[in-house]
Protein backbone atom coordinates (compact mmCIF):
# COMPACT_ATOMS: atom_id res chain seq x y z
CA UNK A 1 -0.04 0.03 -0.02
CA UNK A 2 1.00 3.69 -0.61
CA UNK A 3 -1.83 5.31 1.46
CA UNK A 4 0.98 6.65 3.86
CA UNK A 5 1.93 9.41 1.09
CA UNK A 6 -0.33 12.37 -0.10
CA UNK A 7 -2.16 11.72 -3.43
CA UNK A 8 -0.56 13.61 -6.35
CA UNK A 9 -3.08 13.33 -9.22
CA UNK A 10 -6.36 12.79 -10.42
CA UNK A 11 -6.31 9.24 -12.02
CA UNK A 12 -10.11 8.94 -12.07
CA UNK A 13 -10.37 12.03 -14.31
CA UNK A 14 -9.30 9.68 -17.10
CA UNK A 15 -12.09 7.31 -16.60
CA UNK A 16 -15.32 8.08 -18.52
CA UNK A 17 -18.23 6.23 -19.83
CA UNK A 18 -16.50 4.85 -22.96
CA UNK A 19 -13.64 3.71 -21.14
CA UNK A 20 -15.89 1.66 -18.59
CA UNK A 21 -17.70 0.21 -21.53
CA UNK A 22 -14.52 -0.68 -23.21
CA UNK A 23 -13.19 -2.31 -20.17
CA UNK A 24 -16.02 -4.44 -19.52
CA UNK A 25 -16.38 -5.56 -23.17
CA UNK A 26 -12.53 -6.61 -23.13
CA UNK A 27 -13.70 -9.44 -20.70
CA UNK A 28 -15.62 -10.96 -23.33
CA UNK A 29 -19.23 -9.49 -22.23
CA UNK A 30 -21.15 -7.37 -24.63
CA UNK A 31 -22.64 -4.11 -23.38
CA UNK A 32 -25.88 -2.63 -24.01
CA UNK A 33 -24.13 0.73 -23.45
CA UNK A 34 -26.19 1.75 -20.36
CA UNK A 35 -23.78 2.83 -17.58
CA UNK A 36 -24.91 4.04 -14.00
CA UNK A 37 -22.36 5.52 -11.70
CA UNK A 38 -22.99 4.40 -8.21
CA UNK A 39 -22.01 5.87 -4.89
CA UNK A 40 -18.47 5.19 -3.96
CA UNK A 41 -15.54 7.38 -2.74
CA UNK A 42 -12.46 4.99 -2.59
CA UNK A 43 -12.98 3.45 -5.86
CA UNK A 44 -15.09 3.98 -8.85
CA UNK A 45 -18.12 1.55 -9.18
CA UNK A 46 -20.53 1.42 -12.09
CA UNK A 47 -23.57 -0.43 -13.01
CA UNK A 48 -23.24 -1.72 -16.74
CA UNK A 49 -25.97 -3.04 -18.76
CA UNK A 50 -25.06 -6.40 -20.66
CA UNK A 51 -26.91 -7.53 -23.61
CA UNK A 52 -29.45 -10.48 -22.98
CA UNK A 53 -28.23 -10.68 -19.41
CA UNK A 54 -28.50 -9.00 -15.99
CA UNK A 55 -26.21 -5.89 -15.42
CA UNK A 56 -22.88 -6.29 -13.73
CA UNK A 57 -21.19 -3.99 -11.12
CA UNK A 58 -17.87 -2.87 -12.25
CA UNK A 59 -15.47 -1.84 -9.80
CA UNK A 60 -12.28 0.25 -10.68
CA UNK A 61 -9.63 0.12 -7.81
CA UNK A 62 -7.95 3.35 -6.85
CA UNK A 63 -4.50 3.11 -8.35
CA UNK A 64 -1.69 2.41 -6.17
CA UNK A 65 -3.80 1.42 -3.21
CA UNK A 66 -3.72 -2.18 -3.43
CA UNK A 67 -1.33 -4.54 -5.32
CA UNK A 68 -2.64 -7.20 -7.88
CA UNK A 69 -1.48 -9.82 -5.01
CA UNK A 70 -3.56 -7.95 -2.20
CA UNK A 71 -6.47 -7.85 -4.66
CA UNK A 72 -6.39 -11.70 -5.45
CA UNK A 73 -6.29 -12.52 -1.59
CA UNK A 74 -9.47 -10.68 -1.19
CA UNK A 75 -11.02 -12.31 -4.02
CA UNK A 76 -9.79 -15.70 -2.87
CA UNK A 77 -11.24 -15.33 0.58
CA UNK A 78 -14.52 -14.47 -0.93
CA UNK A 79 -14.54 -17.54 -2.89
CA UNK A 80 -13.50 -19.78 0.30
CA UNK A 81 -16.66 -18.12 1.56
CA UNK A 82 -19.15 -18.75 -1.07
CA UNK A 83 -17.63 -22.41 -1.15
CA UNK A 84 -18.33 -22.73 2.63
CA UNK A 85 -22.11 -21.55 1.66
CA UNK A 86 -21.76 -18.03 2.90
CA UNK A 87 -24.20 -15.23 1.49
CA UNK A 88 -21.27 -13.21 -0.01
CA UNK A 89 -21.48 -11.32 -3.21
CA UNK A 90 -18.07 -12.39 -4.90
CA UNK A 91 -16.18 -11.01 -8.15
CA UNK A 92 -17.18 -12.68 -11.32
CA UNK A 93 -14.80 -14.93 -12.87
CA UNK A 94 -14.43 -15.36 -16.87
CA UNK A 95 -14.02 -18.64 -18.63
CA UNK A 96 -10.30 -18.76 -17.28
CA UNK A 97 -11.15 -18.32 -13.71
CA UNK A 98 -9.85 -14.80 -13.74
CA UNK A 99 -11.50 -12.34 -11.34
CA UNK A 100 -9.12 -9.18 -11.65
CA UNK A 101 -8.44 -7.39 -15.14
CA UNK A 102 -6.79 -4.48 -16.32
CA UNK A 103 -7.67 -1.25 -18.02
CA UNK A 104 -5.07 1.33 -18.70
CA UNK A 105 -3.64 2.25 -15.23
CA UNK A 106 -6.53 0.58 -13.51
CA UNK A 107 -7.44 -2.82 -11.84
CA UNK A 108 -10.97 -3.73 -12.39
CA UNK A 109 -13.39 -6.30 -11.30
CA UNK A 110 -16.94 -7.36 -12.06
CA UNK A 111 -19.61 -8.50 -9.49
CA UNK A 112 -23.33 -9.59 -9.78
CA UNK A 113 -25.79 -6.97 -9.14
CA UNK A 114 -27.51 -7.70 -5.90
CA UNK A 115 -30.45 -5.61 -4.56
CA UNK A 116 -31.40 -5.14 -0.88
CA UNK A 117 -31.38 -2.47 1.95
CA UNK A 118 -29.40 -2.09 5.25
CA UNK A 119 -30.71 -4.16 7.93
CA UNK A 120 -32.42 -2.63 11.07
CA UNK A 121 -30.06 -2.77 13.69
CA UNK A 122 -32.78 -2.42 16.62
CA UNK A 123 -34.34 -6.00 15.71
CA UNK A 124 -32.79 -8.38 18.17
CA UNK A 125 -33.50 -11.39 15.48
CA UNK A 126 -31.67 -9.45 13.00
CA UNK A 127 -28.77 -8.77 14.98
CA UNK A 128 -28.90 -12.63 16.16
CA UNK A 129 -28.77 -13.55 12.56
CA UNK A 130 -25.77 -11.29 11.77
CA UNK A 131 -23.99 -12.68 14.60
CA UNK A 132 -24.24 -16.15 13.24
CA UNK A 133 -23.31 -15.02 9.53
CA UNK A 134 -20.06 -13.45 11.15
CA UNK A 135 -19.36 -16.33 13.30
CA UNK A 136 -19.20 -18.54 10.36
CA UNK A 137 -17.36 -15.86 8.38
CA UNK A 138 -14.67 -15.87 10.99
CA UNK A 139 -14.49 -19.79 10.97
CA UNK A 140 -13.20 -19.59 7.37
CA UNK A 141 -11.00 -16.58 8.03
CA UNK A 142 -9.19 -18.13 10.61
CA UNK A 143 -8.34 -21.31 8.31
CA UNK A 144 -5.07 -19.61 6.97
CA UNK A 145 -3.79 -16.03 6.91
CA UNK A 146 -3.36 -13.31 4.38
CA UNK A 147 0.17 -12.98 3.10
CA UNK A 148 0.22 -9.70 1.46
CA UNK A 149 -2.62 -7.64 2.77
CA UNK A 150 -1.85 -5.71 6.01
CA UNK A 151 -2.75 -6.27 9.45
CA UNK A 152 -5.03 -3.79 11.64
CA UNK A 153 -2.53 -2.60 14.09
CA UNK A 154 -2.12 0.59 16.17
CA UNK A 155 0.87 1.24 13.91
CA UNK A 156 -0.95 1.06 10.42
CA UNK A 157 -4.23 2.51 11.35
CA UNK A 158 -3.02 5.04 14.29
CA UNK A 159 0.61 6.08 13.76
CA UNK A 160 0.60 6.56 10.01
CA UNK A 161 -2.65 8.62 10.41
CA UNK A 162 -1.16 10.88 13.29
CA UNK A 163 1.94 11.43 11.28
CA UNK A 164 0.33 12.02 7.98
CA UNK A 165 -2.41 14.76 9.76
CA UNK A 166 0.43 16.43 11.43
CA UNK A 167 2.62 16.79 8.37
CA UNK A 168 -0.02 17.87 5.73
CA UNK A 169 -3.46 18.62 6.98
CA UNK A 170 -4.08 20.29 10.45
CA UNK A 171 -3.57 23.95 10.91
CA UNK A 172 -0.05 25.05 12.48
CA UNK A 173 -1.77 26.52 15.44
CA UNK A 174 -3.45 23.07 16.51
CA UNK A 175 -0.82 21.10 15.36
CA UNK A 176 1.00 20.68 18.85
CA UNK A 177 -2.33 20.05 20.67
CA UNK A 178 -3.01 17.50 18.20
CA UNK A 179 0.36 15.50 18.17
CA UNK A 180 0.29 15.48 21.78
CA UNK A 181 -3.35 14.22 22.06
CA UNK A 182 -2.72 11.56 19.47
CA UNK A 183 0.50 10.12 21.27
CA UNK A 184 -1.31 9.78 24.34
CA UNK A 185 -4.24 8.17 22.62
CA UNK A 186 -2.10 5.74 20.60
CA UNK A 187 -0.16 5.02 23.54
CA UNK A 188 -3.28 3.91 25.81
CA UNK A 189 -4.66 1.88 23.01
CA UNK A 190 -1.32 0.13 22.43
CA UNK A 191 -1.37 -0.85 26.13
CA UNK A 192 -4.76 -2.04 26.15
CA UNK A 193 -4.30 -4.19 23.24
CA UNK A 194 -1.08 -5.52 24.73
CA UNK A 195 -2.90 -6.49 28.07
CA UNK A 196 -5.51 -8.56 26.38
CA UNK A 197 -3.79 -10.17 23.39
CA UNK A 198 -5.83 -11.50 20.50
CA UNK A 199 -5.07 -13.58 17.61
CA UNK A 200 -5.25 -11.63 14.28
CA UNK A 201 -7.15 -13.37 11.39
CA UNK A 202 -8.82 -12.56 8.13
CA UNK A 203 -11.93 -10.74 8.85
CA UNK A 204 -14.19 -8.31 6.37
CA UNK A 205 -12.65 -5.33 8.09
CA UNK A 206 -15.68 -2.76 7.23
CA UNK A 207 -18.98 -4.60 8.23
CA UNK A 208 -21.09 -1.79 8.99
CA UNK A 209 -24.70 -1.78 8.15
CA UNK A 210 -23.92 -0.27 4.75
CA UNK A 211 -22.12 -3.27 3.68
CA UNK A 212 -24.84 -5.71 4.55
CA UNK A 213 -27.78 -6.16 2.29
CA UNK A 214 -31.13 -7.40 3.28
CA UNK A 215 -33.50 -8.48 1.05
CA UNK A 216 -37.03 -10.03 2.56
CA UNK A 217 -35.19 -12.15 5.29
CA UNK A 218 -31.99 -12.92 3.30
CA UNK A 219 -28.57 -11.21 4.40
CA UNK A 220 -25.63 -10.75 2.18
CA UNK A 221 -22.30 -9.51 2.83
CA UNK A 222 -20.67 -7.01 0.29
CA UNK A 223 -17.33 -4.94 -0.22
CA UNK A 224 -14.45 -7.09 1.05
CA UNK A 225 -12.26 -3.92 -0.28
CA UNK A 226 -10.91 -3.14 3.42
CA UNK A 227 -10.39 -7.18 4.32
CA UNK A 228 -7.04 -7.62 6.37
CA UNK A 229 -5.67 -9.26 9.05
CA UNK A 230 -7.27 -8.20 12.38
CA UNK A 231 -9.47 -9.14 15.60
CA UNK A 232 -12.66 -10.68 15.12
CA UNK A 233 -14.41 -7.99 17.20
CA UNK A 234 -13.77 -5.29 14.16
CA UNK A 235 -16.59 -6.92 12.34
CA UNK A 236 -18.97 -6.68 15.40
CA UNK A 237 -18.39 -3.36 17.27
CA UNK A 238 -19.34 -1.12 14.16
CA UNK A 239 -23.03 -2.91 14.29
CA UNK A 240 -23.60 -1.40 17.74
CA UNK A 241 -25.32 1.85 18.30
CA UNK A 242 -27.07 4.09 21.01
CA UNK A 243 -26.52 4.36 24.62
CA UNK A 244 -24.22 2.01 26.44
CA UNK A 245 -27.21 0.10 27.56
CA UNK A 246 -28.51 -0.28 23.98
CA UNK A 247 -24.97 -1.39 22.85
CA UNK A 248 -24.86 -3.87 25.53
CA UNK A 249 -28.19 -5.33 24.48
CA UNK A 250 -27.20 -5.43 20.62
CA UNK A 251 -23.77 -6.94 21.64
CA UNK A 252 -25.64 -9.68 23.37
CA UNK A 253 -27.74 -10.48 20.51
CA UNK A 254 -24.91 -10.61 18.11
CA UNK A 255 -22.81 -13.03 20.25
CA UNK A 256 -25.51 -15.28 21.13
CA UNK A 257 -25.64 -15.82 17.20
CA UNK A 258 -21.87 -15.89 16.78
CA UNK A 259 -21.51 -18.57 19.52
CA UNK A 260 -23.66 -20.91 17.52
CA UNK A 261 -20.79 -21.32 15.25
CA UNK A 262 -17.39 -19.96 16.59
CA UNK A 263 -15.83 -19.18 19.89
CA UNK A 264 -15.33 -15.72 20.92
CA UNK A 265 -12.50 -14.55 23.30
CA UNK A 266 -13.95 -12.13 25.75
CA UNK A 267 -10.60 -10.33 25.99
CA UNK A 268 -11.80 -8.64 22.60
CA UNK A 269 -14.41 -6.55 24.22
CA UNK A 270 -11.65 -4.35 25.77
CA UNK A 271 -10.60 -3.49 22.20
CA UNK A 272 -13.72 -1.94 21.12
CA UNK A 273 -13.14 1.67 22.20
CA UNK A 274 -9.41 1.27 20.89
CA UNK A 275 -10.74 0.30 17.53
CA UNK A 276 -13.03 3.18 17.50
CA UNK A 277 -10.04 5.44 18.31
CA UNK A 278 -7.92 4.12 15.39
CA UNK A 279 -10.76 4.36 12.92
CA UNK A 280 -11.54 8.10 13.84
CA UNK A 281 -7.93 8.85 13.37
CA UNK A 282 -7.53 6.99 10.29
CA UNK A 283 -10.86 8.48 8.65
CA UNK A 284 -9.36 12.15 9.03
CA UNK A 285 -6.33 11.01 7.60
CA UNK A 286 -8.17 9.27 4.67
CA UNK A 287 -9.94 12.30 3.73
CA UNK A 288 -6.57 14.34 3.88
CA UNK A 289 -4.80 11.47 1.47
CA UNK A 290 -7.75 11.87 -0.87
CA UNK A 291 -8.15 15.25 -1.20
CA UNK A 292 -6.73 15.58 -4.63
CA UNK A 293 -9.58 13.23 -5.80
CA UNK A 294 -12.27 16.13 -7.10
CA UNK A 295 -14.89 13.88 -5.66
CA UNK A 296 -13.53 14.77 -2.20
CA UNK A 297 -13.72 18.44 -2.05
CA UNK A 298 -17.28 18.14 -3.59
CA UNK A 299 -18.74 15.85 -1.09
CA UNK A 300 -16.74 16.77 2.04
CA UNK A 301 -16.53 20.51 1.91
CA UNK A 302 -16.26 20.80 5.51
CA UNK A 303 -13.05 19.03 5.83
CA UNK A 304 -9.88 21.00 6.66
CA UNK A 305 -11.47 23.87 8.11
CA UNK A 306 -10.27 24.89 11.43
CA UNK A 307 -13.76 24.10 12.97
CA UNK A 308 -13.28 20.60 11.67
CA UNK A 309 -10.32 20.22 13.46
CA UNK A 310 -11.22 21.62 16.51
CA UNK A 311 -14.33 19.31 16.66
CA UNK A 312 -12.11 16.52 15.71
CA UNK A 313 -9.64 17.38 18.64
CA UNK A 314 -12.53 17.61 21.08
CA UNK A 315 -14.02 13.96 19.96
CA UNK A 316 -10.62 12.57 20.39
CA UNK A 317 -10.26 14.01 23.82
CA UNK A 318 -13.80 12.54 24.50
CA UNK A 319 -12.56 9.30 23.19
CA UNK A 320 -9.54 9.30 25.63
CA UNK A 321 -12.11 9.46 28.41
CA UNK A 322 -14.14 6.41 27.09
CA UNK A 323 -11.02 4.36 27.00
CA UNK A 324 -11.11 4.54 30.69
CA UNK A 325 -14.39 3.05 31.09
CA UNK A 326 -14.91 -0.62 31.50
CA UNK A 327 -15.63 -2.57 28.42
CA UNK A 328 -19.16 -3.75 27.28
CA UNK A 329 -19.73 -7.03 29.19
CA UNK A 330 -23.16 -8.73 28.26
CA UNK A 331 -23.50 -11.02 31.58
CA UNK A 332 -24.89 -14.06 29.89
CA UNK A 333 -22.16 -14.41 27.39
CA UNK A 334 -19.77 -15.05 30.15
CA UNK A 335 -22.06 -17.68 32.11
């Protein structure tokens, strides 16, 4: 990965409808020339009509983010999950078994179109089923490790973000306060992680509700773009919301479903707020790294203002206090 360096160009400006159609047709499919751009910031994603068949979803990976080996590891993991009968939207393969293609400077893949909506997080039965699904996913994920994809660690998600923001993003008058706070946060998170060791394994990596489709009662997992080696709890905590009591009840339902198929190390619960801290820091750095992509100033116009950074520092101060609170602990789970 080269995410630790600022963007220097606008590669997606060279990607128009004609280029998308040409790329899809180079795989052997025949387009009906209907192209619809879908919401995506990290990559560019299009629905492309196919003659006599269902449309496909064409995903053009951001140049210089992942290597071919890293993308193919993600695809192989998805194929393993499908083989284990998990409802995962895996990439399309051609007659030769290829799932990754090139078009100019871009890697791209095709996916079947799947409809649905995000699940309702306040339905206990839905959370229970999501827990079962993630428990099954993690059973497959622990069979072997990624060799090329990075791990979710304080260094990869936190330290690189702190350094990038300090050097490239934050106003000079706020830099010292941000660096001191960031170093304190990362030291606290590192200490908490070290006190409760967890074996890292292949995970989805970004299992928020937007990456879960529900149609009728069927659940499907999509978008493994951020899959990496990480603690299994990373795929659980982003499904929690609301007050502490609400999050505890939601976690209870998730874990009851999860334990139908997999063990869950209780030590991971102490990682939740540390993982939230890393995500917040990484998100701010992600916006900064992508700022030369014209889509980002258009969709995130508030980023980079002094107000934004003041609010961000306030959120991190609150997060530091939250790190001192006891972790969530649903009682029956420990029984």
